[in-house]
Structure formats: C-alpha cells, structure tokens
Amino acid sequence: MSVLVLGIGNILWADEGFGVRAIEAFHRLYSMADGVDLLDGGTQGLYLVNHVAEAERLLVFDAIDYGLAPGTLKVVRGDEVPKFTGAKKMSLHQTGFQEVLSAADLMGHYPGDIALIGCQPLDLEDWGGPLTAPVAASIEPAIALAVDILSGWGVPPVRREFSLPPEGGLLANDIDRVAYERPRAAG
C-alpha cells in the first residue's frame, strides 16, 4: 500500500505555513514504514499531481478557514476534502491543490482514502511572520490526529527514540521553523 502524508502551505504568510510546519514536526518525531512518504508540498500546486496520483491513501495538513476559533483543528475525510481545499482561496496553493485532486481523478488515479487535518488560521497577512501562538500550539494535537488516522490505515507511525534536530528535517536549511521563525526585533 502506498501512503502520502503531505503538508501544504506558504511559510512566508504566518499561519498559512501550518501544513508545512506540521509535516516537518511529524518527520522529526516519527519514522514510517516503507511505502509511506512524507512530503513538504509547500505551494507546488499542480506539480503535486504525480505524487497524489501514486498514493492509495492521502493525508494532508493545511491551514483552512472553517470560520472557527483560531487554532481549532478539524478533520475532513473522503469526498468532503475537495470542498475545503478550495472553498475559500487564502493563497495560490489551495486552488492549485483542488486542481491536483481533480487532475488525479481525471487520470483515474484518485486515492482510495483521503483525510485532511485542517487548522483554523488567525493571521494570514503577516508577510514573513511566524505561526501565531494558537496555530503553533495546534501542531502537536494535529500530529496526534495523524498518528490515529495512519494507524487506522494499518501504517502506524513509530515514535523516534530521539526526535531529529531541525537540521535533520525535510527542509534542512534556513527556512526550517526554528531558523526561520526567530523572534523579531522590536521596532
């Protein structure tokens, strides 16, 4: 079975980076069995079609405006997922990801199971800003939801004895969360 765990979003727009930051944290804390791929999808849009089309099961982390309290997590599954990935355009990647799902479907390679772990953003306007406190605090609970979903799919994540350092993450450069989201100087 092939499973793709995907984080999408734009780390340059504060809470819009939730999906990327969640997949980074997940990678640092858990290892996965063969056949399970973790991917920082960033804002790649249609470039993700082949990855999605190859997956039998797809789990996505993303910032979604559900109209709830900031930091609130909501899991959406199956046919409901496309309604949320493009329901309200917060950035270019969301419309692009809805198109990714449609393209995979047109290719006849739509994942059999899809789950979306969405986090209600607080701030999407802070160019270059970090995740807000309520969204950052939602990363660990989002990871716990992902562990439950993946375990239900028969591919339980294995907690690492020691979490990987930030430089061992998926990005492994100066835009990982620890390096990028340094406190700003007052002024």
N, C-alpha and C. Protein backbone atom coordinates (compact mmCIF):
# COMPACT_ATOMS: atom_id res chain seq x y z
N MET A 1 0.84 -1.18 0.00
CA MET A 1 0.00 0.00 0.00
C MET A 1 0.89 1.24 0.00
N SER A 2 0.54 2.24 -0.82
CA SER A 2 1.30 3.49 -0.85
C SER A 2 0.48 4.58 -0.17
N VAL A 3 1.15 5.28 0.74
CA VAL A 3 0.52 6.34 1.51
C VAL A 3 1.37 7.59 1.39
N LEU A 4 0.72 8.72 1.17
CA LEU A 4 1.40 10.00 1.12
C LEU A 4 0.88 10.88 2.24
N VAL A 5 1.80 11.39 3.06
CA VAL A 5 1.47 12.36 4.11
C VAL A 5 2.06 13.68 3.62
N LEU A 6 1.20 14.64 3.40
CA LEU A 6 1.56 15.86 2.69
C LEU A 6 1.25 17.09 3.53
N GLY A 7 2.20 18.01 3.61
CA GLY A 7 1.96 19.30 4.25
C GLY A 7 1.99 20.36 3.17
N ILE A 8 0.93 21.17 3.07
CA ILE A 8 0.91 22.23 2.07
C ILE A 8 0.70 23.57 2.75
N GLY A 9 1.19 24.61 2.10
CA GLY A 9 1.05 25.95 2.64
C GLY A 9 2.23 26.82 2.28
N ASN A 10 2.16 28.06 2.68
CA ASN A 10 3.18 29.04 2.37
C ASN A 10 3.75 29.59 3.68
N ILE A 11 4.97 29.21 4.01
CA ILE A 11 5.58 29.62 5.27
C ILE A 11 5.87 31.12 5.34
N LEU A 12 5.75 31.81 4.22
CA LEU A 12 6.00 33.25 4.21
C LEU A 12 4.81 34.07 4.69
N TRP A 13 3.64 33.44 4.89
CA TRP A 13 2.44 34.14 5.29
C TRP A 13 1.90 33.64 6.62
N ALA A 14 2.72 33.71 7.64
CA ALA A 14 2.29 33.39 9.02
C ALA A 14 1.59 32.03 9.09
N ASP A 15 0.32 32.01 9.49
CA ASP A 15 -0.40 30.76 9.73
C ASP A 15 -0.63 29.93 8.47
N GLU A 16 -0.47 30.53 7.31
CA GLU A 16 -0.59 29.80 6.06
C GLU A 16 0.47 28.68 6.00
N GLY A 17 1.51 28.80 6.80
CA GLY A 17 2.57 27.79 6.83
C GLY A 17 2.28 26.59 7.71
N PHE A 18 1.10 26.51 8.31
CA PHE A 18 0.78 25.42 9.23
C PHE A 18 1.08 24.03 8.64
N GLY A 19 0.62 23.76 7.44
CA GLY A 19 0.79 22.43 6.85
C GLY A 19 2.25 22.02 6.71
N VAL A 20 3.07 22.96 6.27
CA VAL A 20 4.50 22.68 6.12
C VAL A 20 5.14 22.46 7.48
N ARG A 21 4.81 23.32 8.44
CA ARG A 21 5.39 23.18 9.78
C ARG A 21 4.92 21.90 10.46
N ALA A 22 3.70 21.46 10.20
CA ALA A 22 3.19 20.22 10.79
C ALA A 22 3.91 19.00 10.22
N ILE A 23 4.15 18.98 8.90
CA ILE A 23 4.83 17.82 8.31
C ILE A 23 6.30 17.79 8.75
N GLU A 24 6.91 18.95 8.92
CA GLU A 24 8.29 18.98 9.44
C GLU A 24 8.34 18.37 10.84
N ALA A 25 7.45 18.80 11.71
CA ALA A 25 7.42 18.31 13.10
C ALA A 25 7.12 16.81 13.12
N PHE A 26 6.19 16.39 12.29
CA PHE A 26 5.84 14.97 12.21
C PHE A 26 7.08 14.15 11.84
N HIS A 27 7.82 14.61 10.84
CA HIS A 27 9.03 13.91 10.40
C HIS A 27 10.09 13.83 11.50
N ARG A 28 10.22 14.90 12.27
CA ARG A 28 11.21 14.89 13.35
C ARG A 28 10.84 13.92 14.46
N LEU A 29 9.54 13.70 14.68
CA LEU A 29 9.09 12.87 15.79
C LEU A 29 8.85 11.41 15.44
N TYR A 30 8.52 11.12 14.16
CA TYR A 30 8.10 9.76 13.78
C TYR A 30 8.83 9.27 12.55
N SER A 31 9.06 7.96 12.54
CA SER A 31 9.52 7.31 11.32
C SER A 31 8.36 6.49 10.79
N MET A 32 8.40 6.20 9.51
CA MET A 32 7.30 5.50 8.86
C MET A 32 7.82 4.25 8.15
N ALA A 33 6.93 3.32 7.96
CA ALA A 33 7.25 2.08 7.25
C ALA A 33 7.48 2.37 5.76
N ASP A 34 8.11 1.42 5.08
CA ASP A 34 8.25 1.53 3.64
C ASP A 34 6.88 1.68 3.01
N GLY A 35 6.79 2.47 1.98
CA GLY A 35 5.52 2.69 1.31
C GLY A 35 4.78 3.91 1.81
N VAL A 36 5.32 4.55 2.86
CA VAL A 36 4.72 5.78 3.38
C VAL A 36 5.70 6.91 3.14
N ASP A 37 5.30 7.87 2.34
CA ASP A 37 6.16 9.01 2.02
C ASP A 37 5.66 10.26 2.70
N LEU A 38 6.58 11.06 3.21
CA LEU A 38 6.27 12.36 3.79
C LEU A 38 6.76 13.41 2.80
N LEU A 39 5.95 14.43 2.55
CA LEU A 39 6.32 15.42 1.55
C LEU A 39 5.92 16.82 1.99
N ASP A 40 6.87 17.74 1.94
CA ASP A 40 6.60 19.16 2.09
C ASP A 40 6.15 19.64 0.72
N GLY A 41 4.85 19.79 0.54
CA GLY A 41 4.32 20.21 -0.75
C GLY A 41 4.33 21.71 -0.95
N GLY A 42 4.60 22.46 0.11
CA GLY A 42 4.68 23.91 0.01
C GLY A 42 3.56 24.50 -0.81
N THR A 43 3.93 25.23 -1.85
CA THR A 43 2.96 25.87 -2.75
C THR A 43 3.09 25.30 -4.16
N GLN A 44 3.44 24.03 -4.28
CA GLN A 44 3.74 23.44 -5.58
C GLN A 44 2.53 23.24 -6.48
N GLY A 45 1.33 23.28 -5.94
CA GLY A 45 0.14 23.17 -6.77
C GLY A 45 0.15 21.95 -7.68
N LEU A 46 -0.03 22.17 -8.97
CA LEU A 46 -0.15 21.07 -9.93
C LEU A 46 1.08 20.18 -10.02
N TYR A 47 2.20 20.65 -9.53
CA TYR A 47 3.40 19.81 -9.54
C TYR A 47 3.25 18.61 -8.59
N LEU A 48 2.22 18.62 -7.77
CA LEU A 48 1.98 17.52 -6.84
C LEU A 48 1.13 16.40 -7.44
N VAL A 49 0.62 16.58 -8.65
CA VAL A 49 -0.31 15.61 -9.24
C VAL A 49 0.27 14.20 -9.23
N ASN A 50 1.49 14.02 -9.69
CA ASN A 50 2.06 12.67 -9.76
C ASN A 50 2.18 12.03 -8.38
N HIS A 51 2.56 12.82 -7.41
CA HIS A 51 2.66 12.28 -6.04
C HIS A 51 1.30 11.82 -5.54
N VAL A 52 0.28 12.64 -5.75
CA VAL A 52 -1.07 12.30 -5.30
C VAL A 52 -1.61 11.10 -6.09
N ALA A 53 -1.37 11.09 -7.39
CA ALA A 53 -1.88 10.01 -8.24
C ALA A 53 -1.25 8.66 -7.90
N GLU A 54 -0.05 8.66 -7.35
CA GLU A 54 0.63 7.42 -6.98
C GLU A 54 0.20 6.89 -5.62
N ALA A 55 -0.50 7.70 -4.85
CA ALA A 55 -0.88 7.32 -3.49
C ALA A 55 -2.23 6.60 -3.47
N GLU A 56 -2.29 5.52 -2.72
CA GLU A 56 -3.56 4.84 -2.49
C GLU A 56 -4.32 5.53 -1.36
N ARG A 57 -3.55 6.12 -0.44
CA ARG A 57 -4.14 6.87 0.67
C ARG A 57 -3.37 8.17 0.82
N LEU A 58 -4.10 9.24 1.14
CA LEU A 58 -3.51 10.57 1.21
C LEU A 58 -3.95 11.26 2.49
N LEU A 59 -2.99 11.76 3.25
CA LEU A 59 -3.25 12.54 4.46
C LEU A 59 -2.61 13.91 4.26
N VAL A 60 -3.39 14.97 4.45
CA VAL A 60 -2.92 16.33 4.18
C VAL A 60 -3.05 17.19 5.44
N PHE A 61 -1.99 17.96 5.73
CA PHE A 61 -2.02 19.02 6.75
C PHE A 61 -2.14 20.35 6.01
N ASP A 62 -3.06 21.22 6.45
CA ASP A 62 -3.19 22.53 5.79
C ASP A 62 -3.91 23.50 6.72
N ALA A 63 -3.70 24.79 6.47
CA ALA A 63 -4.45 25.85 7.14
C ALA A 63 -5.73 26.04 6.35
N ILE A 64 -6.87 25.95 7.02
CA ILE A 64 -8.17 26.05 6.36
C ILE A 64 -9.05 27.01 7.16
N ASP A 65 -9.68 27.94 6.47
CA ASP A 65 -10.59 28.86 7.14
C ASP A 65 -11.97 28.21 7.24
N TYR A 66 -12.22 27.61 8.39
CA TYR A 66 -13.51 26.98 8.67
C TYR A 66 -14.46 27.97 9.35
N GLY A 67 -13.94 29.14 9.73
CA GLY A 67 -14.75 30.09 10.48
C GLY A 67 -14.84 29.74 11.96
N LEU A 68 -13.86 29.01 12.46
CA LEU A 68 -13.84 28.58 13.86
C LEU A 68 -12.85 29.42 14.65
N ALA A 69 -12.68 29.12 15.91
CA ALA A 69 -11.69 29.81 16.74
C ALA A 69 -10.29 29.49 16.24
N PRO A 70 -9.38 30.47 16.23
CA PRO A 70 -8.02 30.23 15.75
C PRO A 70 -7.36 29.06 16.47
N GLY A 71 -6.70 28.21 15.69
CA GLY A 71 -6.02 27.05 16.24
C GLY A 71 -6.89 25.81 16.30
N THR A 72 -8.19 25.95 16.04
CA THR A 72 -9.08 24.80 16.07
C THR A 72 -8.74 23.85 14.93
N LEU A 73 -8.66 22.56 15.25
CA LEU A 73 -8.39 21.54 14.24
C LEU A 73 -9.70 20.89 13.82
N LYS A 74 -9.77 20.54 12.55
CA LYS A 74 -10.93 19.83 12.04
C LYS A 74 -10.44 18.81 11.03
N VAL A 75 -10.93 17.57 11.15
CA VAL A 75 -10.57 16.51 10.21
C VAL A 75 -11.73 16.34 9.23
N VAL A 76 -11.39 16.35 7.97
CA VAL A 76 -12.35 16.16 6.90
C VAL A 76 -11.87 14.94 6.11
N ARG A 77 -12.81 14.08 5.70
CA ARG A 77 -12.44 12.84 5.01
C ARG A 77 -13.21 12.65 3.71
N GLY A 78 -12.62 11.82 2.87
CA GLY A 78 -13.28 11.35 1.66
C GLY A 78 -13.71 12.46 0.71
N ASP A 79 -14.95 12.35 0.24
CA ASP A 79 -15.47 13.29 -0.76
C ASP A 79 -15.61 14.71 -0.25
N GLU A 80 -15.55 14.90 1.07
CA GLU A 80 -15.65 16.25 1.63
C GLU A 80 -14.36 17.05 1.46
N VAL A 81 -13.22 16.39 1.28
CA VAL A 81 -11.93 17.07 1.23
C VAL A 81 -11.85 18.13 0.14
N PRO A 82 -12.22 17.84 -1.11
CA PRO A 82 -12.09 18.90 -2.13
C PRO A 82 -12.91 20.14 -1.84
N LYS A 83 -14.01 20.00 -1.09
CA LYS A 83 -14.82 21.16 -0.75
C LYS A 83 -14.05 22.15 0.12
N PHE A 84 -13.11 21.65 0.91
CA PHE A 84 -12.36 22.51 1.82
C PHE A 84 -11.03 22.98 1.24
N THR A 85 -10.44 22.21 0.33
CA THR A 85 -9.14 22.62 -0.20
C THR A 85 -9.24 23.79 -1.16
N GLY A 86 -10.43 24.15 -1.56
CA GLY A 86 -10.57 25.29 -2.45
C GLY A 86 -11.77 26.14 -2.12
N ALA A 87 -12.40 25.88 -0.98
CA ALA A 87 -13.63 26.57 -0.62
C ALA A 87 -13.44 28.07 -0.47
N LYS A 88 -12.35 28.48 0.13
CA LYS A 88 -12.06 29.89 0.28
C LYS A 88 -10.60 30.08 -0.06
N LYS A 89 -10.33 30.82 -1.11
CA LYS A 89 -8.96 30.98 -1.58
C LYS A 89 -8.18 31.87 -0.62
N MET A 90 -7.25 31.25 0.09
CA MET A 90 -6.39 32.00 1.00
C MET A 90 -5.03 32.23 0.37
N SER A 91 -4.66 31.38 -0.59
CA SER A 91 -3.40 31.54 -1.29
C SER A 91 -3.47 30.73 -2.57
N LEU A 92 -2.48 30.87 -3.42
CA LEU A 92 -2.48 30.18 -4.70
C LEU A 92 -2.45 28.66 -4.55
N HIS A 93 -1.81 28.14 -3.50
CA HIS A 93 -1.66 26.69 -3.40
C HIS A 93 -2.99 25.99 -3.17
N GLN A 94 -3.95 26.64 -2.53
CA GLN A 94 -5.20 25.95 -2.23
C GLN A 94 -5.99 25.66 -3.49
N THR A 95 -6.17 26.65 -4.33
CA THR A 95 -6.85 26.39 -5.58
C THR A 95 -6.07 25.36 -6.37
N GLY A 96 -4.76 25.47 -6.36
CA GLY A 96 -3.92 24.51 -7.05
C GLY A 96 -4.09 23.11 -6.50
N PHE A 97 -4.28 22.96 -5.18
CA PHE A 97 -4.43 21.62 -4.64
C PHE A 97 -5.78 21.02 -4.99
N GLN A 98 -6.80 21.84 -5.05
CA GLN A 98 -8.10 21.32 -5.51
C GLN A 98 -7.95 20.83 -6.95
N GLU A 99 -7.20 21.54 -7.74
CA GLU A 99 -6.93 21.12 -9.12
C GLU A 99 -6.10 19.84 -9.15
N VAL A 100 -5.19 19.68 -8.19
CA VAL A 100 -4.40 18.45 -8.10
C VAL A 100 -5.32 17.25 -7.90
N LEU A 101 -6.26 17.38 -6.98
CA LEU A 101 -7.20 16.29 -6.73
C LEU A 101 -8.04 15.99 -7.97
N SER A 102 -8.50 17.04 -8.64
CA SER A 102 -9.29 16.85 -9.86
C SER A 102 -8.48 16.19 -10.96
N ALA A 103 -7.23 16.61 -11.11
CA ALA A 103 -6.37 16.02 -12.14
C ALA A 103 -6.09 14.55 -11.85
N ALA A 104 -5.84 14.22 -10.60
CA ALA A 104 -5.62 12.81 -10.24
C ALA A 104 -6.86 11.99 -10.54
N ASP A 105 -8.02 12.56 -10.27
CA ASP A 105 -9.28 11.87 -10.56
C ASP A 105 -9.44 11.67 -12.06
N LEU A 106 -9.16 12.70 -12.85
CA LEU A 106 -9.26 12.58 -14.31
C LEU A 106 -8.29 11.54 -14.86
N MET A 107 -7.15 11.39 -14.21
CA MET A 107 -6.15 10.40 -14.63
C MET A 107 -6.55 8.99 -14.21
N GLY A 108 -7.62 8.88 -13.41
CA GLY A 108 -8.06 7.58 -12.94
C GLY A 108 -7.22 7.04 -11.80
N HIS A 109 -6.52 7.95 -11.10
CA HIS A 109 -5.63 7.54 -10.01
C HIS A 109 -5.92 8.36 -8.75
N TYR A 110 -7.18 8.46 -8.38
CA TYR A 110 -7.57 9.20 -7.19
C TYR A 110 -7.35 8.31 -5.98
N PRO A 111 -6.73 8.82 -4.92
CA PRO A 111 -6.51 7.98 -3.73
C PRO A 111 -7.81 7.39 -3.21
N GLY A 112 -7.74 6.16 -2.75
CA GLY A 112 -8.91 5.48 -2.21
C GLY A 112 -9.39 6.07 -0.90
N ASP A 113 -8.46 6.57 -0.10
CA ASP A 113 -8.79 7.21 1.17
C ASP A 113 -8.06 8.55 1.23
N ILE A 114 -8.78 9.58 1.63
CA ILE A 114 -8.19 10.91 1.80
C ILE A 114 -8.66 11.46 3.14
N ALA A 115 -7.72 12.05 3.86
CA ALA A 115 -8.05 12.76 5.10
C ALA A 115 -7.30 14.08 5.11
N LEU A 116 -7.97 15.12 5.54
CA LEU A 116 -7.39 16.45 5.65
C LEU A 116 -7.45 16.87 7.11
N ILE A 117 -6.30 17.23 7.66
CA ILE A 117 -6.25 17.81 9.01
C ILE A 117 -6.05 19.30 8.81
N GLY A 118 -7.12 20.05 9.01
CA GLY A 118 -7.07 21.49 8.81
C GLY A 118 -7.01 22.23 10.12
N CYS A 119 -6.29 23.34 10.10
CA CYS A 119 -6.17 24.19 11.28
C CYS A 119 -6.69 25.58 10.94
N GLN A 120 -7.57 26.08 11.78
CA GLN A 120 -8.12 27.42 11.59
C GLN A 120 -7.03 28.47 11.83
N PRO A 121 -6.69 29.27 10.81
CA PRO A 121 -5.66 30.29 11.00
C PRO A 121 -6.18 31.51 11.75
N LEU A 122 -5.27 32.26 12.33
CA LEU A 122 -5.58 33.54 12.95
C LEU A 122 -5.11 34.67 12.04
N ASP A 123 -3.88 34.55 11.50
CA ASP A 123 -3.28 35.63 10.73
C ASP A 123 -2.67 35.08 9.45
N LEU A 124 -3.17 35.58 8.34
CA LEU A 124 -2.63 35.20 7.03
C LEU A 124 -2.02 36.40 6.32
N GLU A 125 -1.93 37.52 7.00
CA GLU A 125 -1.47 38.76 6.38
C GLU A 125 -0.05 39.16 6.78
N ASP A 126 0.54 38.48 7.75
CA ASP A 126 1.85 38.86 8.27
C ASP A 126 2.95 38.29 7.39
N TRP A 127 3.33 39.05 6.36
CA TRP A 127 4.37 38.62 5.43
C TRP A 127 5.68 38.39 6.18
N GLY A 128 6.20 37.18 6.12
CA GLY A 128 7.44 36.84 6.79
C GLY A 128 7.27 36.52 8.25
N GLY A 129 6.03 36.56 8.74
CA GLY A 129 5.79 36.33 10.16
C GLY A 129 5.70 34.85 10.52
N PRO A 130 5.87 34.56 11.79
CA PRO A 130 5.80 33.18 12.27
C PRO A 130 4.34 32.73 12.44
N LEU A 131 4.18 31.46 12.73
CA LEU A 131 2.86 30.97 13.10
C LEU A 131 2.41 31.71 14.36
N THR A 132 1.13 32.01 14.45
CA THR A 132 0.62 32.63 15.66
C THR A 132 0.58 31.58 16.76
N ALA A 133 0.48 32.02 18.00
CA ALA A 133 0.50 31.11 19.15
C ALA A 133 -0.57 30.02 19.08
N PRO A 134 -1.85 30.35 18.76
CA PRO A 134 -2.83 29.26 18.76
C PRO A 134 -2.59 28.23 17.65
N VAL A 135 -2.07 28.67 16.52
CA VAL A 135 -1.80 27.73 15.42
C VAL A 135 -0.56 26.91 15.73
N ALA A 136 0.48 27.53 16.26
CA ALA A 136 1.67 26.77 16.65
C ALA A 136 1.33 25.72 17.70
N ALA A 137 0.44 26.07 18.62
CA ALA A 137 0.05 25.12 19.68
C ALA A 137 -0.78 23.96 19.13
N SER A 138 -1.29 24.09 17.93
CA SER A 138 -2.10 23.03 17.32
C SER A 138 -1.28 21.98 16.58
N ILE A 139 0.01 22.21 16.43
CA ILE A 139 0.82 21.26 15.68
C ILE A 139 0.87 19.90 16.37
N GLU A 140 1.16 19.86 17.66
CA GLU A 140 1.22 18.56 18.34
C GLU A 140 -0.11 17.82 18.33
N PRO A 141 -1.24 18.49 18.62
CA PRO A 141 -2.52 17.78 18.50
C PRO A 141 -2.81 17.32 17.07
N ALA A 142 -2.39 18.08 16.07
CA ALA A 142 -2.58 17.67 14.67
C ALA A 142 -1.77 16.41 14.39
N ILE A 143 -0.57 16.34 14.92
CA ILE A 143 0.27 15.15 14.74
C ILE A 143 -0.40 13.95 15.41
N ALA A 144 -0.98 14.15 16.58
CA ALA A 144 -1.68 13.04 17.26
C ALA A 144 -2.85 12.54 16.40
N LEU A 145 -3.58 13.46 15.76
CA LEU A 145 -4.66 13.05 14.85
C LEU A 145 -4.10 12.25 13.68
N ALA A 146 -2.97 12.70 13.15
CA ALA A 146 -2.35 11.99 12.02
C ALA A 146 -1.93 10.58 12.43
N VAL A 147 -1.38 10.44 13.62
CA VAL A 147 -0.99 9.11 14.11
C VAL A 147 -2.21 8.20 14.18
N ASP A 148 -3.33 8.72 14.67
CA ASP A 148 -4.56 7.93 14.74
C ASP A 148 -5.05 7.52 13.36
N ILE A 149 -5.05 8.46 12.43
CA ILE A 149 -5.52 8.17 11.07
C ILE A 149 -4.63 7.13 10.40
N LEU A 150 -3.32 7.33 10.48
CA LEU A 150 -2.39 6.40 9.85
C LEU A 150 -2.46 5.02 10.50
N SER A 151 -2.62 4.98 11.80
CA SER A 151 -2.76 3.69 12.49
C SER A 151 -4.03 2.98 12.01
N GLY A 152 -5.10 3.73 11.82
CA GLY A 152 -6.35 3.17 11.31
C GLY A 152 -6.20 2.64 9.90
N TRP A 153 -5.26 3.19 9.16
CA TRP A 153 -4.99 2.72 7.80
C TRP A 153 -4.02 1.55 7.78
N GLY A 154 -3.57 1.13 8.96
CA GLY A 154 -2.66 -0.01 9.04
C GLY A 154 -1.19 0.33 8.85
N VAL A 155 -0.85 1.62 8.94
CA VAL A 155 0.56 2.05 8.81
C VAL A 155 0.91 2.95 9.99
N PRO A 156 0.96 2.37 11.19
CA PRO A 156 1.20 3.20 12.38
C PRO A 156 2.60 3.82 12.38
N PRO A 157 2.69 5.12 12.64
CA PRO A 157 4.00 5.75 12.78
C PRO A 157 4.72 5.21 14.01
N VAL A 158 6.04 5.19 13.95
CA VAL A 158 6.85 4.73 15.07
C VAL A 158 7.56 5.95 15.66
N ARG A 159 7.29 6.19 16.95
CA ARG A 159 7.90 7.34 17.61
C ARG A 159 9.41 7.14 17.68
N ARG A 160 10.16 8.14 17.25
CA ARG A 160 11.62 8.07 17.30
C ARG A 160 12.07 8.12 18.76
N GLU A 161 13.12 7.39 19.07
CA GLU A 161 13.66 7.42 20.43
C GLU A 161 14.11 8.83 20.78
N PHE A 162 14.76 9.47 19.81
CA PHE A 162 15.18 10.86 19.95
C PHE A 162 14.68 11.59 18.71
N SER A 163 13.99 12.72 18.91
CA SER A 163 13.50 13.44 17.74
C SER A 163 14.68 13.98 16.95
N LEU A 164 14.49 14.07 15.65
CA LEU A 164 15.53 14.60 14.78
C LEU A 164 15.71 16.09 15.06
N PRO A 165 16.92 16.59 14.98
CA PRO A 165 17.12 18.03 15.15
C PRO A 165 16.56 18.76 13.93
N PRO A 166 16.31 20.07 14.04
CA PRO A 166 15.76 20.80 12.90
C PRO A 166 16.56 20.61 11.61
N GLU A 167 17.89 20.53 11.73
CA GLU A 167 18.69 20.34 10.52
C GLU A 167 18.51 18.95 9.92
N GLY A 168 17.83 18.07 10.63
CA GLY A 168 17.53 16.75 10.09
C GLY A 168 16.14 16.68 9.50
N GLY A 169 15.50 17.84 9.36
CA GLY A 169 14.12 17.87 8.89
C GLY A 169 14.00 17.75 7.38
N LEU A 170 12.80 17.93 6.90
CA LEU A 170 12.54 17.81 5.48
C LEU A 170 13.15 18.96 4.70
N LEU A 171 13.20 20.15 5.29
CA LEU A 171 13.78 21.29 4.59
C LEU A 171 15.29 21.36 4.76
N ALA A 172 15.75 21.14 5.97
CA ALA A 172 17.18 21.10 6.29
C ALA A 172 17.93 22.31 5.75
N ASN A 173 17.40 23.49 5.99
CA ASN A 173 18.09 24.72 5.60
C ASN A 173 17.54 25.87 6.43
N ASP A 174 17.84 27.09 6.06
CA ASP A 174 17.48 28.24 6.87
C ASP A 174 15.99 28.60 6.87
N ILE A 175 15.16 27.83 6.17
CA ILE A 175 13.74 28.12 6.24
C ILE A 175 12.98 27.08 7.06
N ASP A 176 13.71 26.20 7.76
CA ASP A 176 13.00 25.33 8.69
C ASP A 176 12.45 26.22 9.80
N ARG A 177 11.50 25.72 10.57
CA ARG A 177 10.78 26.57 11.53
C ARG A 177 11.70 27.22 12.55
N VAL A 178 12.62 26.47 13.12
CA VAL A 178 13.47 27.01 14.18
C VAL A 178 14.32 28.16 13.64
N ALA A 179 14.91 27.97 12.46
CA ALA A 179 15.77 29.02 11.90
C ALA A 179 14.97 30.21 11.37
N TYR A 180 13.86 29.93 10.73
CA TYR A 180 13.09 30.98 10.07
C TYR A 180 12.27 31.83 11.05
N GLU A 181 11.68 31.20 12.02
CA GLU A 181 10.77 31.91 12.91
C GLU A 181 11.46 32.43 14.17
N ARG A 182 12.62 33.02 14.00
CA ARG A 182 13.30 33.65 15.10
C ARG A 182 12.47 34.84 15.60
N PRO A 183 12.57 35.17 16.86
CA PRO A 183 11.84 36.36 17.34
C PRO A 183 12.29 37.60 16.57
N ARG A 184 11.34 38.46 16.28
CA ARG A 184 11.65 39.70 15.56
C ARG A 184 12.13 40.77 16.52
N ALA A 185 13.00 41.62 16.04
CA ALA A 185 13.46 42.74 16.84
C ALA A 185 12.33 43.76 16.95
N ALA A 186 12.20 44.36 18.10
CA ALA A 186 11.17 45.40 18.28
C ALA A 186 11.55 46.61 17.47
N GLY A 187 10.56 47.23 16.90
CA GLY A 187 10.89 48.44 16.18
C GLY A 187 9.89 48.78 15.23
